[in-house]
Amino acid sequence: MNRFEGGSGKEARLRYLDGDFQILTPGSHVICAMTGRPIMVDELKYWSVDRQEAYVDAAASLEAEKRAGNLPNQRR
């Protein structure tokens, strides 16, 4: 099966890896953990391996890191 084949209109379930992801359940999109917006699987660029979350853009990813306290010189 092609990576993006099948599951049209359904939410995909992914396992986020370093530099890649594995499709557990085919679908057309995932949901951004910060904004709740859908992200097409073939456009997914930002995620957290540790938290197993997807992000719609770099700003959402940065906000997630801030909330997790994972930035240098950040007070918790």
PDB file of N, CA and C in Angstrom:
ATOM      1  N   MET A   1       0.849  -1.188   0.000  1.00  0.00           N
ATOM      2  CA  MET A   1       0.000   0.000   0.000  1.00  0.00           C
ATOM      3  C   MET A   1       0.885   1.238   0.000  1.00  0.00           C
ATOM      4  N   ASN A   2       0.512   2.198  -0.785  1.00  0.00           N
ATOM      5  CA  ASN A   2       1.204   3.481  -0.807  1.00  0.00           C
ATOM      6  C   ASN A   2       1.032   4.152   0.548  1.00  0.00           C
ATOM      7  N   ARG A   3       2.005   4.918   0.967  1.00  0.00           N
ATOM      8  CA  ARG A   3       1.995   5.573   2.277  1.00  0.00           C
ATOM      9  C   ARG A   3       0.718   6.387   2.516  1.00  0.00           C
ATOM     10  N   PHE A   4       0.206   7.061   1.504  1.00  0.00           N
ATOM     11  CA  PHE A   4      -0.927   7.959   1.675  1.00  0.00           C
ATOM     12  C   PHE A   4      -2.221   7.408   1.070  1.00  0.00           C
ATOM     13  N   GLU A   5      -2.204   6.143   0.730  1.00  0.00           N
ATOM     14  CA  GLU A   5      -3.344   5.520   0.097  1.00  0.00           C
ATOM     15  C   GLU A   5      -4.413   5.147   1.122  1.00  0.00           C
ATOM     16  N   GLY A   6      -5.657   5.231   0.733  1.00  0.00           N
ATOM     17  CA  GLY A   6      -6.743   4.742   1.569  1.00  0.00           C
ATOM     18  C   GLY A   6      -7.105   5.686   2.693  1.00  0.00           C
ATOM     19  N   GLY A   7      -8.236   5.418   3.328  1.00  0.00           N
ATOM     20  CA  GLY A   7      -8.656   6.183   4.483  1.00  0.00           C
ATOM     21  C   GLY A   7      -9.073   7.602   4.178  1.00  0.00           C
ATOM     22  N   SER A   8      -9.485   7.862   2.967  1.00  0.00           N
ATOM     23  CA  SER A   8      -9.849   9.221   2.578  1.00  0.00           C
ATOM     24  C   SER A   8     -10.908   9.798   3.501  1.00  0.00           C
ATOM     25  N   GLY A   9     -10.619  10.955   4.061  1.00  0.00           N
ATOM     26  CA  GLY A   9     -11.543  11.623   4.955  1.00  0.00           C
ATOM     27  C   GLY A   9     -11.469  11.167   6.399  1.00  0.00           C
ATOM     28  N   LYS A  10     -10.770  10.077   6.673  1.00  0.00           N
ATOM     29  CA  LYS A  10     -10.648   9.562   8.031  1.00  0.00           C
ATOM     30  C   LYS A  10      -9.377  10.096   8.695  1.00  0.00           C
ATOM     31  N   GLU A  11      -9.395  10.136  10.018  1.00  0.00           N
ATOM     32  CA  GLU A  11      -8.194  10.509  10.764  1.00  0.00           C
ATOM     33  C   GLU A  11      -7.247   9.314  10.808  1.00  0.00           C
ATOM     34  N   ALA A  12      -5.995   9.555  10.481  1.00  0.00           N
ATOM     35  CA  ALA A  12      -4.974   8.519  10.535  1.00  0.00           C
ATOM     36  C   ALA A  12      -4.432   8.392  11.960  1.00  0.00           C
ATOM     37  N   ARG A  13      -3.920   7.230  12.278  1.00  0.00           N
ATOM     38  CA  ARG A  13      -3.162   7.032  13.522  1.00  0.00           C
ATOM     39  C   ARG A  13      -1.725   6.765  13.118  1.00  0.00           C
ATOM     40  N   LEU A  14      -0.805   7.553  13.688  1.00  0.00           N
ATOM     41  CA  LEU A  14       0.604   7.448  13.327  1.00  0.00           C
ATOM     42  C   LEU A  14       1.459   7.191  14.550  1.00  0.00           C
ATOM     43  N   ARG A  15       2.608   6.579  14.330  1.00  0.00           N
ATOM     44  CA  ARG A  15       3.659   6.498  15.344  1.00  0.00           C
ATOM     45  C   ARG A  15       4.756   7.432  14.846  1.00  0.00           C
ATOM     46  N   TYR A  16       5.061   8.443  15.650  1.00  0.00           N
ATOM     47  CA  TYR A  16       6.030   9.463  15.254  1.00  0.00           C
ATOM     48  C   TYR A  16       7.427   9.007  15.639  1.00  0.00           C
ATOM     49  N   LEU A  17       8.311   8.983  14.667  1.00  0.00           N
ATOM     50  CA  LEU A  17       9.692   8.537  14.837  1.00  0.00           C
ATOM     51  C   LEU A  17      10.626   9.705  14.562  1.00  0.00           C
ATOM     52  N   ASP A  18      11.909   9.511  14.797  1.00  0.00           N
ATOM     53  CA  ASP A  18      12.903  10.541  14.481  1.00  0.00           C
ATOM     54  C   ASP A  18      13.006  10.686  12.967  1.00  0.00           C
ATOM     55  N   GLY A  19      12.517  11.810  12.441  1.00  0.00           N
ATOM     56  CA  GLY A  19      12.634  12.107  11.014  1.00  0.00           C
ATOM     57  C   GLY A  19      11.641  11.391  10.115  1.00  0.00           C
ATOM     58  N   ASP A  20      10.735  10.620  10.675  1.00  0.00           N
ATOM     59  CA  ASP A  20       9.749   9.903   9.876  1.00  0.00           C
ATOM     60  C   ASP A  20       8.590   9.504  10.778  1.00  0.00           C
ATOM     61  N   PHE A  21       7.579   8.906  10.197  1.00  0.00           N
ATOM     62  CA  PHE A  21       6.473   8.375  10.981  1.00  0.00           C
ATOM     63  C   PHE A  21       5.990   7.094  10.337  1.00  0.00           C
ATOM     64  N   GLN A  22       5.336   6.270  11.139  1.00  0.00           N
ATOM     65  CA  GLN A  22       4.797   5.006  10.686  1.00  0.00           C
ATOM     66  C   GLN A  22       3.277   5.090  10.746  1.00  0.00           C
ATOM     67  N   ILE A  23       2.618   4.685   9.690  1.00  0.00           N
ATOM     68  CA  ILE A  23       1.161   4.701   9.657  1.00  0.00           C
ATOM     69  C   ILE A  23       0.640   3.441  10.328  1.00  0.00           C
ATOM     70  N   LEU A  24      -0.105   3.627  11.418  1.00  0.00           N
ATOM     71  CA  LEU A  24      -0.715   2.513  12.132  1.00  0.00           C
ATOM     72  C   LEU A  24      -2.115   2.236  11.603  1.00  0.00           C
ATOM     73  N   THR A  25      -2.871   3.304  11.340  1.00  0.00           N
ATOM     74  CA  THR A  25      -4.205   3.217  10.749  1.00  0.00           C
ATOM     75  C   THR A  25      -4.275   4.240   9.628  1.00  0.00           C
ATOM     76  N   PRO A  26      -4.486   3.806   8.395  1.00  0.00           N
ATOM     77  CA  PRO A  26      -4.527   4.751   7.271  1.00  0.00           C
ATOM     78  C   PRO A  26      -5.628   5.795   7.440  1.00  0.00           C
ATOM     79  N   GLY A  27      -5.345   6.963   6.932  1.00  0.00           N
ATOM     80  CA  GLY A  27      -6.299   8.059   6.940  1.00  0.00           C
ATOM     81  C   GLY A  27      -5.723   9.220   6.170  1.00  0.00           C
ATOM     82  N   SER A  28      -6.522  10.236   5.969  1.00  0.00           N
ATOM     83  CA  SER A  28      -6.077  11.372   5.169  1.00  0.00           C
ATOM     84  C   SER A  28      -5.399  12.453   6.004  1.00  0.00           C
ATOM     85  N   HIS A  29      -5.668  12.463   7.328  1.00  0.00           N
ATOM     86  CA  HIS A  29      -5.170  13.568   8.141  1.00  0.00           C
ATOM     87  C   HIS A  29      -4.961  13.133   9.596  1.00  0.00           C
ATOM     88  N   VAL A  30      -4.246  13.989  10.327  1.00  0.00           N
ATOM     89  CA  VAL A  30      -4.112  13.890  11.779  1.00  0.00           C
ATOM     90  C   VAL A  30      -4.547  15.240  12.339  1.00  0.00           C
ATOM     91  N   ILE A  31      -4.693  15.321  13.657  1.00  0.00           N
ATOM     92  CA  ILE A  31      -5.147  16.548  14.296  1.00  0.00           C
ATOM     93  C   ILE A  31      -3.994  17.190  15.055  1.00  0.00           C
ATOM     94  N   CYS A  32      -3.813  18.487  14.880  1.00  0.00           N
ATOM     95  CA  CYS A  32      -2.774  19.230  15.588  1.00  0.00           C
ATOM     96  C   CYS A  32      -3.088  19.231  17.087  1.00  0.00           C
ATOM     97  N   ALA A  33      -2.110  18.849  17.895  1.00  0.00           N
ATOM     98  CA  ALA A  33      -2.288  18.778  19.351  1.00  0.00           C
ATOM     99  C   ALA A  33      -2.474  20.151  19.981  1.00  0.00           C
ATOM    100  N   MET A  34      -2.001  21.203  19.326  1.00  0.00           N
ATOM    101  CA  MET A  34      -2.094  22.550  19.898  1.00  0.00           C
ATOM    102  C   MET A  34      -3.304  23.329  19.396  1.00  0.00           C
ATOM    103  N   THR A  35      -3.641  23.193  18.136  1.00  0.00           N
ATOM    104  CA  THR A  35      -4.702  24.023  17.544  1.00  0.00           C
ATOM    105  C   THR A  35      -5.999  23.267  17.282  1.00  0.00           C
ATOM    106  N   GLY A  36      -5.920  21.936  17.209  1.00  0.00           N
ATOM    107  CA  GLY A  36      -7.095  21.145  16.866  1.00  0.00           C
ATOM    108  C   GLY A  36      -7.393  21.128  15.379  1.00  0.00           C
ATOM    109  N   ARG A  37      -6.536  21.776  14.590  1.00  0.00           N
ATOM    110  CA  ARG A  37      -6.747  21.827  13.139  1.00  0.00           C
ATOM    111  C   ARG A  37      -6.277  20.528  12.486  1.00  0.00           C
ATOM    112  N   PRO A  38      -6.963  20.097  11.418  1.00  0.00           N
ATOM    113  CA  PRO A  38      -6.510  18.906  10.696  1.00  0.00           C
ATOM    114  C   PRO A  38      -5.243  19.206   9.890  1.00  0.00           C
ATOM    115  N   ILE A  39      -4.392  18.207   9.777  1.00  0.00           N
ATOM    116  CA  ILE A  39      -3.160  18.292   8.993  1.00  0.00           C
ATOM    117  C   ILE A  39      -3.176  17.111   8.033  1.00  0.00           C
ATOM    118  N   MET A  40      -3.117  17.382   6.739  1.00  0.00           N
ATOM    119  CA  MET A  40      -3.064  16.297   5.767  1.00  0.00           C
ATOM    120  C   MET A  40      -1.780  15.505   5.999  1.00  0.00           C
ATOM    121  N   VAL A  41      -1.872  14.192   5.986  1.00  0.00           N
ATOM    122  CA  VAL A  41      -0.717  13.337   6.271  1.00  0.00           C
ATOM    123  C   VAL A  41       0.429  13.645   5.318  1.00  0.00           C
ATOM    124  N   ASP A  42       0.132  13.893   4.059  1.00  0.00           N
ATOM    125  CA  ASP A  42       1.203  14.161   3.096  1.00  0.00           C
ATOM    126  C   ASP A  42       1.816  15.551   3.260  1.00  0.00           C
ATOM    127  N   GLU A  43       1.261  16.382   4.154  1.00  0.00           N
ATOM    128  CA  GLU A  43       1.819  17.709   4.431  1.00  0.00           C
ATOM    129  C   GLU A  43       2.408  17.805   5.837  1.00  0.00           C
ATOM    130  N   LEU A  44       2.381  16.724   6.598  1.00  0.00           N
ATOM    131  CA  LEU A  44       2.852  16.717   7.980  1.00  0.00           C
ATOM    132  C   LEU A  44       4.370  16.902   8.037  1.00  0.00           C
ATOM    133  N   LYS A  45       4.814  17.934   8.775  1.00  0.00           N
ATOM    134  CA  LYS A  45       6.239  18.245   8.894  1.00  0.00           C
ATOM    135  C   LYS A  45       6.708  18.376  10.337  1.00  0.00           C
ATOM    136  N   TYR A  46       5.793  18.596  11.272  1.00  0.00           N
ATOM    137  CA  TYR A  46       6.165  18.875  12.658  1.00  0.00           C
ATOM    138  C   TYR A  46       5.471  17.911  13.602  1.00  0.00           C
ATOM    139  N   TRP A  47       6.262  17.270  14.482  1.00  0.00           N
ATOM    140  CA  TRP A  47       5.707  16.383  15.491  1.00  0.00           C
ATOM    141  C   TRP A  47       6.704  16.198  16.617  1.00  0.00           C
ATOM    142  N   SER A  48       6.223  15.636  17.711  1.00  0.00           N
ATOM    143  CA  SER A  48       7.071  15.314  18.853  1.00  0.00           C
ATOM    144  C   SER A  48       7.126  13.802  19.009  1.00  0.00           C
ATOM    145  N   VAL A  49       8.332  13.260  18.983  1.00  0.00           N
ATOM    146  CA  VAL A  49       8.520  11.835  19.213  1.00  0.00           C
ATOM    147  C   VAL A  49       8.192  11.514  20.671  1.00  0.00           C
ATOM    148  N   ASP A  50       8.666  12.347  21.589  1.00  0.00           N
ATOM    149  CA  ASP A  50       8.450  12.100  23.017  1.00  0.00           C
ATOM    150  C   ASP A  50       6.973  12.128  23.397  1.00  0.00           C
ATOM    151  N   ARG A  51       6.239  13.097  22.887  1.00  0.00           N
ATOM    152  CA  ARG A  51       4.826  13.247  23.248  1.00  0.00           C
ATOM    153  C   ARG A  51       3.877  12.570  22.260  1.00  0.00           C
ATOM    154  N   GLN A  52       4.421  12.084  21.125  1.00  0.00           N
ATOM    155  CA  GLN A  52       3.619  11.443  20.084  1.00  0.00           C
ATOM    156  C   GLN A  52       2.454  12.335  19.672  1.00  0.00           C
ATOM    157  N   GLU A  53       2.799  13.594  19.319  1.00  0.00           N
ATOM    158  CA  GLU A  53       1.821  14.598  18.900  1.00  0.00           C
ATOM    159  C   GLU A  53       2.240  15.222  17.585  1.00  0.00           C
ATOM    160  N   ALA A  54       1.263  15.603  16.799  1.00  0.00           N
ATOM    161  CA  ALA A  54       1.500  16.315  15.538  1.00  0.00           C
ATOM    162  C   ALA A  54       1.185  17.793  15.728  1.00  0.00           C
ATOM    163  N   TYR A  55       1.852  18.639  14.925  1.00  0.00           N
ATOM    164  CA  TYR A  55       1.639  20.086  14.989  1.00  0.00           C
ATOM    165  C   TYR A  55       1.468  20.627  13.574  1.00  0.00           C
ATOM    166  N   VAL A  56       0.582  21.584  13.437  1.00  0.00           N
ATOM    167  CA  VAL A  56       0.243  22.135  12.136  1.00  0.00           C
ATOM    168  C   VAL A  56       1.376  22.969  11.543  1.00  0.00           C
ATOM    169  N   ASP A  57       2.182  23.608  12.391  1.00  0.00           N
ATOM    170  CA  ASP A  57       3.278  24.447  11.892  1.00  0.00           C
ATOM    171  C   ASP A  57       4.340  24.608  12.982  1.00  0.00           C
ATOM    172  N   ALA A  58       5.398  25.335  12.629  1.00  0.00           N
ATOM    173  CA  ALA A  58       6.514  25.525  13.567  1.00  0.00           C
ATOM    174  C   ALA A  58       6.083  26.286  14.815  1.00  0.00           C
ATOM    175  N   ALA A  59       5.177  27.248  14.669  1.00  0.00           N
ATOM    176  CA  ALA A  59       4.711  28.022  15.821  1.00  0.00           C
ATOM    177  C   ALA A  59       3.985  27.122  16.825  1.00  0.00           C
ATOM    178  N   ALA A  60       3.173  26.211  16.342  1.00  0.00           N
ATOM    179  CA  ALA A  60       2.464  25.281  17.227  1.00  0.00           C
ATOM    180  C   ALA A  60       3.450  24.336  17.904  1.00  0.00           C
ATOM    181  N   SER A  61       4.460  23.893  17.168  1.00  0.00           N
ATOM    182  CA  SER A  61       5.492  23.030  17.735  1.00  0.00           C
ATOM    183  C   SER A  61       6.270  23.751  18.834  1.00  0.00           C
ATOM    184  N   LEU A  62       6.633  25.000  18.581  1.00  0.00           N
ATOM    185  CA  LEU A  62       7.356  25.802  19.569  1.00  0.00           C
ATOM    186  C   LEU A  62       6.504  26.010  20.821  1.00  0.00           C
ATOM    187  N   GLU A  63       5.234  26.298  20.651  1.00  0.00           N
ATOM    188  CA  GLU A  63       4.345  26.479  21.801  1.00  0.00           C
ATOM    189  C   GLU A  63       4.247  25.200  22.629  1.00  0.00           C
ATOM    190  N   ALA A  64       4.202  24.055  21.971  1.00  0.00           N
ATOM    191  CA  ALA A  64       4.166  22.775  22.684  1.00  0.00           C
ATOM    192  C   ALA A  64       5.442  22.569  23.485  1.00  0.00           C
ATOM    193  N   GLU A  65       6.583  22.930  22.906  1.00  0.00           N
ATOM    194  CA  GLU A  65       7.853  22.816  23.624  1.00  0.00           C
ATOM    195  C   GLU A  65       7.884  23.739  24.830  1.00  0.00           C
ATOM    196  N   LYS A  66       7.375  24.954  24.663  1.00  0.00           N
ATOM    197  CA  LYS A  66       7.309  25.894  25.784  1.00  0.00           C
ATOM    198  C   LYS A  66       6.453  25.330  26.911  1.00  0.00           C
ATOM    199  N   ARG A  67       5.284  24.820  26.563  1.00  0.00           N
ATOM    200  CA  ARG A  67       4.376  24.263  27.576  1.00  0.00           C
ATOM    201  C   ARG A  67       4.989  23.067  28.288  1.00  0.00           C
ATOM    202  N   ALA A  68       5.800  22.308  27.568  1.00  0.00           N
ATOM    203  CA  ALA A  68       6.446  21.135  28.166  1.00  0.00           C
ATOM    204  C   ALA A  68       7.686  21.513  28.959  1.00  0.00           C
ATOM    205  N   GLY A  69       8.117  22.788  28.863  1.00  0.00           N
ATOM    206  CA  GLY A  69       9.306  23.237  29.583  1.00  0.00           C
ATOM    207  C   GLY A  69      10.598  22.703  29.005  1.00  0.00           C
ATOM    208  N   ASN A  70      10.614  22.482  27.695  1.00  0.00           N
ATOM    209  CA  ASN A  70      11.777  21.877  27.045  1.00  0.00           C
ATOM    210  C   ASN A  70      12.700  22.857  26.332  1.00  0.00           C
ATOM    211  N   LEU A  71      12.586  24.134  26.617  1.00  0.00           N
ATOM    212  CA  LEU A  71      13.455  25.109  25.961  1.00  0.00           C
ATOM    213  C   LEU A  71      14.562  25.553  26.909  1.00  0.00           C
ATOM    214  N   PRO A  72      15.772  25.765  26.403  1.00  0.00           N
ATOM    215  CA  PRO A  72      16.871  26.237  27.249  1.00  0.00           C
ATOM    216  C   PRO A  72      16.527  27.575  27.899  1.00  0.00           C
ATOM    217  N   ASN A  73      17.023  27.800  29.094  1.00  0.00           N
ATOM    218  CA  ASN A  73      16.822  29.046  29.828  1.00  0.00           C
ATOM    219  C   ASN A  73      15.363  29.344  30.135  1.00  0.00           C
ATOM    220  N   GLN A  74      14.558  28.308  30.184  1.00  0.00           N
ATOM    221  CA  GLN A  74      13.131  28.497  30.485  1.00  0.00           C
ATOM    222  C   GLN A  74      12.875  28.043  31.910  1.00  0.00           C
ATOM    223  N   ARG A  75      12.225  28.894  32.665  1.00  0.00           N
ATOM    224  CA  ARG A  75      11.877  28.550  34.041  1.00  0.00           C
ATOM    225  C   ARG A  75      10.615  27.693  34.050  1.00  0.00           C
ATOM    226  N   ARG A  76      10.588  26.763  34.969  1.00  0.00           N
ATOM    227  CA  ARG A  76       9.412  25.887  35.083  1.00  0.00           C
ATOM    228  C   ARG A  76       8.546  26.325  36.223  1.00  0.00           C
TER     229      ARG A  76
END
